[in-house]
Amino acid sequence: QVQLVESGGDFVQAGGSLRLSCAASGSIGSIIAMAWYRQAPGKQRDLVAAISSAGTTNYNDSVKGRFTISRDNAKNTVYLQMNNLKPEDTAVYYCASHSLRGAHWGQGTQVTVSS
């Protein structure tokens, strides 16, 4: 089992920045990728950014150039730096770990961007 705890969600004005953190514990040796997803009210959960165990990253087109995913292996923590936030970025952001056995999810953290 992998336990994930997100933090860093907040209320921010458009153009502002936030950094989300996701601390992993448990069977972290099985993880092959970590990712951030988001879900706005009435919408499906979408991938925002992902980082593999090799450090390869990929991003949703809507956040390219604004968001950066990174990790600190010593702290077993993954970050999502979000710059130039837009109202359409408002959502609950979830951290997920992916292994050959499936995915584990955090509880989510709310990000609200006002116009």
N, C-alpha and C. Protein backbone atom coordinates (compact mmCIF):
# COMPACT_ATOMS: atom_id res chain seq x y z
N GLN A 1 0.84 -1.20 0.00
CA GLN A 1 0.00 0.00 0.00
C GLN A 1 0.87 1.24 0.00
N VAL A 2 0.38 2.26 -0.67
CA VAL A 2 1.04 3.55 -0.70
C VAL A 2 0.07 4.58 -0.12
N GLN A 3 0.56 5.39 0.78
CA GLN A 3 -0.24 6.47 1.33
C GLN A 3 0.27 7.79 0.77
N LEU A 4 -0.67 8.63 0.37
CA LEU A 4 -0.33 9.92 -0.23
C LEU A 4 -1.06 11.03 0.50
N VAL A 5 -0.34 12.07 0.83
CA VAL A 5 -0.93 13.21 1.51
C VAL A 5 -0.58 14.48 0.74
N GLU A 6 -1.62 15.14 0.22
CA GLU A 6 -1.40 16.38 -0.53
C GLU A 6 -1.54 17.58 0.39
N SER A 7 -0.91 18.66 -0.01
CA SER A 7 -1.05 19.93 0.68
C SER A 7 -0.72 21.06 -0.30
N GLY A 8 -1.10 22.27 0.10
CA GLY A 8 -0.73 23.43 -0.70
C GLY A 8 -1.87 24.09 -1.44
N GLY A 9 -3.05 23.46 -1.47
CA GLY A 9 -4.17 24.10 -2.14
C GLY A 9 -4.59 25.37 -1.42
N ASP A 10 -5.11 26.31 -2.19
CA ASP A 10 -5.48 27.60 -1.59
C ASP A 10 -6.35 28.37 -2.55
N PHE A 11 -6.73 29.54 -2.10
CA PHE A 11 -7.48 30.50 -2.91
C PHE A 11 -6.48 31.53 -3.41
N VAL A 12 -6.45 31.78 -4.71
CA VAL A 12 -5.47 32.70 -5.28
C VAL A 12 -6.10 33.48 -6.42
N GLN A 13 -5.59 34.66 -6.67
CA GLN A 13 -6.09 35.46 -7.78
C GLN A 13 -5.44 35.03 -9.09
N ALA A 14 -6.12 35.28 -10.17
CA ALA A 14 -5.58 34.95 -11.49
C ALA A 14 -4.21 35.60 -11.66
N GLY A 15 -3.29 34.84 -12.24
CA GLY A 15 -1.93 35.30 -12.41
C GLY A 15 -1.01 34.91 -11.28
N GLY A 16 -1.58 34.42 -10.20
CA GLY A 16 -0.80 34.03 -9.04
C GLY A 16 -0.18 32.65 -9.18
N SER A 17 0.51 32.23 -8.13
CA SER A 17 1.22 30.95 -8.14
C SER A 17 0.89 30.17 -6.87
N LEU A 18 0.98 28.86 -7.00
CA LEU A 18 0.85 27.95 -5.86
C LEU A 18 1.79 26.78 -6.09
N ARG A 19 2.22 26.17 -4.99
CA ARG A 19 2.97 24.92 -5.10
C ARG A 19 2.26 23.86 -4.28
N LEU A 20 1.89 22.80 -4.96
CA LEU A 20 1.27 21.65 -4.29
C LEU A 20 2.36 20.63 -3.95
N SER A 21 2.15 19.97 -2.82
CA SER A 21 3.08 18.92 -2.39
C SER A 21 2.32 17.62 -2.18
N CYS A 22 2.98 16.52 -2.43
CA CYS A 22 2.41 15.20 -2.22
C CYS A 22 3.47 14.32 -1.57
N ALA A 23 3.25 14.00 -0.32
CA ALA A 23 4.19 13.17 0.43
C ALA A 23 3.74 11.71 0.37
N ALA A 24 4.64 10.84 -0.05
CA ALA A 24 4.32 9.41 -0.18
C ALA A 24 4.98 8.62 0.93
N SER A 25 4.28 7.59 1.37
CA SER A 25 4.83 6.68 2.37
C SER A 25 4.28 5.28 2.10
N GLY A 26 4.86 4.30 2.75
CA GLY A 26 4.44 2.92 2.53
C GLY A 26 5.31 2.23 1.51
N SER A 27 4.70 1.48 0.61
CA SER A 27 5.42 0.68 -0.38
C SER A 27 5.85 1.52 -1.58
N ILE A 28 6.67 2.53 -1.31
CA ILE A 28 7.04 3.46 -2.36
C ILE A 28 8.02 2.85 -3.36
N GLY A 29 8.68 1.76 -3.00
CA GLY A 29 9.59 1.12 -3.92
C GLY A 29 8.91 0.54 -5.15
N SER A 30 7.60 0.36 -5.06
CA SER A 30 6.85 -0.22 -6.18
C SER A 30 6.38 0.83 -7.18
N ILE A 31 6.54 2.09 -6.85
CA ILE A 31 6.02 3.17 -7.69
C ILE A 31 6.85 3.34 -8.96
N ILE A 32 6.18 3.41 -10.11
CA ILE A 32 6.88 3.63 -11.37
C ILE A 32 6.61 5.03 -11.93
N ALA A 33 5.57 5.68 -11.41
CA ALA A 33 5.28 7.05 -11.83
C ALA A 33 4.39 7.71 -10.79
N MET A 34 4.54 9.02 -10.71
CA MET A 34 3.69 9.84 -9.86
C MET A 34 3.01 10.87 -10.76
N ALA A 35 1.81 11.26 -10.38
CA ALA A 35 1.07 12.19 -11.23
C ALA A 35 0.14 13.06 -10.41
N TRP A 36 -0.18 14.17 -11.00
CA TRP A 36 -1.22 15.07 -10.48
C TRP A 36 -2.40 15.05 -11.46
N TYR A 37 -3.58 14.95 -10.90
CA TYR A 37 -4.81 15.02 -11.66
C TYR A 37 -5.65 16.15 -11.07
N ARG A 38 -6.66 16.56 -11.79
CA ARG A 38 -7.59 17.54 -11.24
C ARG A 38 -9.00 17.26 -11.73
N GLN A 39 -9.93 17.67 -10.89
CA GLN A 39 -11.33 17.46 -11.22
C GLN A 39 -12.13 18.69 -10.81
N ALA A 40 -12.72 19.33 -11.79
CA ALA A 40 -13.59 20.47 -11.55
C ALA A 40 -15.01 19.96 -11.36
N PRO A 41 -15.87 20.73 -10.70
CA PRO A 41 -17.26 20.30 -10.49
C PRO A 41 -17.95 19.94 -11.79
N GLY A 42 -18.56 18.78 -11.83
CA GLY A 42 -19.30 18.34 -13.00
C GLY A 42 -18.45 17.86 -14.16
N LYS A 43 -17.15 17.78 -13.95
CA LYS A 43 -16.25 17.34 -15.02
C LYS A 43 -15.50 16.08 -14.63
N GLN A 44 -14.90 15.44 -15.60
CA GLN A 44 -14.13 14.24 -15.33
C GLN A 44 -12.77 14.61 -14.75
N ARG A 45 -12.15 13.63 -14.14
CA ARG A 45 -10.81 13.83 -13.59
C ARG A 45 -9.80 13.73 -14.73
N ASP A 46 -8.97 14.74 -14.87
CA ASP A 46 -8.01 14.80 -15.96
C ASP A 46 -6.57 14.78 -15.44
N LEU A 47 -5.70 14.19 -16.22
CA LEU A 47 -4.28 14.24 -15.90
C LEU A 47 -3.76 15.65 -16.11
N VAL A 48 -3.01 16.13 -15.14
CA VAL A 48 -2.37 17.44 -15.24
C VAL A 48 -0.90 17.30 -15.61
N ALA A 49 -0.20 16.47 -14.87
CA ALA A 49 1.23 16.26 -15.11
C ALA A 49 1.65 14.95 -14.47
N ALA A 50 2.69 14.36 -15.03
CA ALA A 50 3.21 13.10 -14.51
C ALA A 50 4.72 13.09 -14.59
N ILE A 51 5.33 12.33 -13.69
CA ILE A 51 6.77 12.16 -13.70
C ILE A 51 7.08 10.69 -13.42
N SER A 52 7.91 10.11 -14.27
CA SER A 52 8.25 8.70 -14.11
C SER A 52 9.41 8.53 -13.13
N SER A 53 9.68 7.28 -12.77
CA SER A 53 10.80 7.01 -11.88
C SER A 53 12.13 7.39 -12.52
N ALA A 54 12.15 7.45 -13.85
CA ALA A 54 13.35 7.86 -14.58
C ALA A 54 13.45 9.38 -14.72
N GLY A 55 12.39 10.08 -14.30
CA GLY A 55 12.42 11.54 -14.37
C GLY A 55 11.75 12.12 -15.59
N THR A 56 11.21 11.28 -16.45
CA THR A 56 10.51 11.76 -17.63
C THR A 56 9.19 12.42 -17.21
N THR A 57 8.91 13.56 -17.80
CA THR A 57 7.69 14.28 -17.44
C THR A 57 6.78 14.45 -18.66
N ASN A 58 5.51 14.57 -18.39
CA ASN A 58 4.58 14.95 -19.43
C ASN A 58 3.46 15.77 -18.83
N TYR A 59 2.89 16.63 -19.66
CA TYR A 59 1.92 17.61 -19.18
C TYR A 59 0.68 17.64 -20.07
N ASN A 60 -0.42 17.98 -19.45
CA ASN A 60 -1.63 18.32 -20.20
C ASN A 60 -1.32 19.59 -20.99
N ASP A 61 -1.79 19.63 -22.22
CA ASP A 61 -1.51 20.81 -23.06
C ASP A 61 -1.95 22.11 -22.41
N SER A 62 -3.00 22.05 -21.61
CA SER A 62 -3.55 23.27 -21.03
C SER A 62 -2.65 23.89 -19.96
N VAL A 63 -1.66 23.15 -19.48
CA VAL A 63 -0.79 23.67 -18.42
C VAL A 63 0.66 23.78 -18.85
N LYS A 64 0.97 23.36 -20.06
CA LYS A 64 2.35 23.43 -20.53
C LYS A 64 2.87 24.86 -20.49
N GLY A 65 4.06 25.01 -19.96
CA GLY A 65 4.66 26.33 -19.86
C GLY A 65 4.27 27.08 -18.59
N ARG A 66 3.28 26.57 -17.87
CA ARG A 66 2.83 27.23 -16.63
C ARG A 66 3.07 26.36 -15.40
N PHE A 67 2.91 25.06 -15.55
CA PHE A 67 3.05 24.13 -14.42
C PHE A 67 4.33 23.31 -14.59
N THR A 68 4.93 22.97 -13.46
CA THR A 68 6.12 22.13 -13.46
C THR A 68 5.99 21.06 -12.39
N ILE A 69 6.15 19.81 -12.78
CA ILE A 69 6.14 18.71 -11.82
C ILE A 69 7.59 18.35 -11.50
N SER A 70 7.85 18.09 -10.23
CA SER A 70 9.20 17.72 -9.82
C SER A 70 9.11 16.81 -8.61
N ARG A 71 10.22 16.26 -8.22
CA ARG A 71 10.19 15.36 -7.07
C ARG A 71 11.48 15.50 -6.27
N ASP A 72 11.37 15.19 -5.00
CA ASP A 72 12.51 15.13 -4.10
C ASP A 72 12.54 13.72 -3.55
N ASN A 73 13.42 12.89 -4.09
CA ASN A 73 13.46 11.49 -3.69
C ASN A 73 13.83 11.32 -2.22
N ALA A 74 14.64 12.20 -1.71
CA ALA A 74 15.06 12.10 -0.31
C ALA A 74 13.88 12.30 0.63
N LYS A 75 12.91 13.09 0.18
CA LYS A 75 11.72 13.38 1.00
C LYS A 75 10.51 12.59 0.56
N ASN A 76 10.67 11.76 -0.47
CA ASN A 76 9.54 10.99 -1.02
C ASN A 76 8.35 11.91 -1.31
N THR A 77 8.65 13.03 -1.91
CA THR A 77 7.65 14.06 -2.15
C THR A 77 7.68 14.50 -3.60
N VAL A 78 6.49 14.68 -4.16
CA VAL A 78 6.34 15.21 -5.50
C VAL A 78 5.67 16.57 -5.40
N TYR A 79 6.10 17.49 -6.25
CA TYR A 79 5.59 18.85 -6.22
C TYR A 79 4.93 19.21 -7.55
N LEU A 80 4.01 20.13 -7.48
CA LEU A 80 3.45 20.72 -8.68
C LEU A 80 3.50 22.24 -8.51
N GLN A 81 4.45 22.86 -9.20
CA GLN A 81 4.55 24.31 -9.18
C GLN A 81 3.62 24.86 -10.24
N MET A 82 2.71 25.71 -9.83
CA MET A 82 1.70 26.25 -10.74
C MET A 82 1.85 27.76 -10.80
N ASN A 83 2.19 28.25 -11.97
CA ASN A 83 2.37 29.69 -12.18
C ASN A 83 1.32 30.22 -13.15
N ASN A 84 1.14 31.53 -13.13
CA ASN A 84 0.18 32.16 -14.02
C ASN A 84 -1.17 31.43 -14.00
N LEU A 85 -1.68 31.23 -12.81
CA LEU A 85 -2.92 30.49 -12.66
C LEU A 85 -4.10 31.23 -13.28
N LYS A 86 -5.01 30.44 -13.82
CA LYS A 86 -6.20 30.97 -14.49
C LYS A 86 -7.45 30.44 -13.79
N PRO A 87 -8.57 31.14 -13.91
CA PRO A 87 -9.81 30.65 -13.28
C PRO A 87 -10.15 29.22 -13.69
N GLU A 88 -9.83 28.86 -14.92
CA GLU A 88 -10.13 27.50 -15.39
C GLU A 88 -9.25 26.44 -14.75
N ASP A 89 -8.27 26.84 -13.97
CA ASP A 89 -7.46 25.88 -13.22
C ASP A 89 -8.13 25.49 -11.91
N THR A 90 -9.23 26.14 -11.58
CA THR A 90 -9.95 25.83 -10.35
C THR A 90 -10.44 24.39 -10.37
N ALA A 91 -10.07 23.65 -9.34
CA ALA A 91 -10.43 22.23 -9.26
C ALA A 91 -9.90 21.64 -7.96
N VAL A 92 -10.31 20.42 -7.69
CA VAL A 92 -9.64 19.63 -6.66
C VAL A 92 -8.49 18.91 -7.34
N TYR A 93 -7.31 19.04 -6.78
CA TYR A 93 -6.12 18.43 -7.33
C TYR A 93 -5.77 17.18 -6.52
N TYR A 94 -5.58 16.09 -7.24
CA TYR A 94 -5.27 14.81 -6.61
C TYR A 94 -3.89 14.34 -7.01
N CYS A 95 -3.18 13.80 -6.05
CA CYS A 95 -1.92 13.15 -6.32
C CYS A 95 -2.18 11.65 -6.46
N ALA A 96 -1.47 11.01 -7.37
CA ALA A 96 -1.62 9.57 -7.56
C ALA A 96 -0.26 8.93 -7.76
N SER A 97 -0.15 7.71 -7.26
CA SER A 97 1.05 6.91 -7.54
C SER A 97 0.62 5.73 -8.40
N HIS A 98 1.47 5.38 -9.35
CA HIS A 98 1.16 4.29 -10.27
C HIS A 98 2.23 3.21 -10.16
N SER A 99 1.79 1.97 -10.03
CA SER A 99 2.69 0.84 -10.02
C SER A 99 2.07 -0.25 -10.90
N LEU A 100 2.77 -1.37 -11.02
CA LEU A 100 2.24 -2.48 -11.82
C LEU A 100 0.97 -3.05 -11.20
N ARG A 101 0.77 -2.79 -9.92
CA ARG A 101 -0.41 -3.32 -9.23
C ARG A 101 -1.58 -2.37 -9.28
N GLY A 102 -1.38 -1.16 -9.81
CA GLY A 102 -2.48 -0.22 -9.88
C GLY A 102 -2.12 1.14 -9.34
N ALA A 103 -3.12 1.91 -8.97
CA ALA A 103 -2.92 3.29 -8.53
C ALA A 103 -3.42 3.50 -7.11
N HIS A 104 -2.75 4.42 -6.44
CA HIS A 104 -3.22 4.90 -5.14
C HIS A 104 -3.45 6.40 -5.27
N TRP A 105 -4.41 6.89 -4.49
CA TRP A 105 -4.80 8.29 -4.61
C TRP A 105 -4.74 8.99 -3.25
N GLY A 106 -4.42 10.26 -3.31
CA GLY A 106 -4.53 11.09 -2.13
C GLY A 106 -5.95 11.58 -1.96
N GLN A 107 -6.15 12.38 -0.91
CA GLN A 107 -7.50 12.83 -0.59
C GLN A 107 -7.91 14.07 -1.39
N GLY A 108 -6.95 14.71 -2.03
CA GLY A 108 -7.25 15.89 -2.83
C GLY A 108 -7.04 17.18 -2.08
N THR A 109 -6.71 18.22 -2.82
CA THR A 109 -6.55 19.55 -2.22
C THR A 109 -7.18 20.57 -3.17
N GLN A 110 -7.95 21.49 -2.61
CA GLN A 110 -8.72 22.43 -3.42
C GLN A 110 -7.85 23.60 -3.86
N VAL A 111 -7.92 23.90 -5.15
CA VAL A 111 -7.30 25.09 -5.71
C VAL A 111 -8.40 25.94 -6.33
N THR A 112 -8.51 27.16 -5.87
CA THR A 112 -9.52 28.08 -6.39
C THR A 112 -8.83 29.34 -6.90
N VAL A 113 -9.09 29.66 -8.17
CA VAL A 113 -8.47 30.83 -8.80
C VAL A 113 -9.57 31.83 -9.14
N SER A 114 -9.48 33.00 -8.59
CA SER A 114 -10.49 34.02 -8.86
C SER A 114 -10.05 34.91 -10.01
N SER A 115 -11.02 35.40 -10.74
CA SER A 115 -10.71 36.26 -11.89
C SER A 115 -10.60 37.72 -11.48
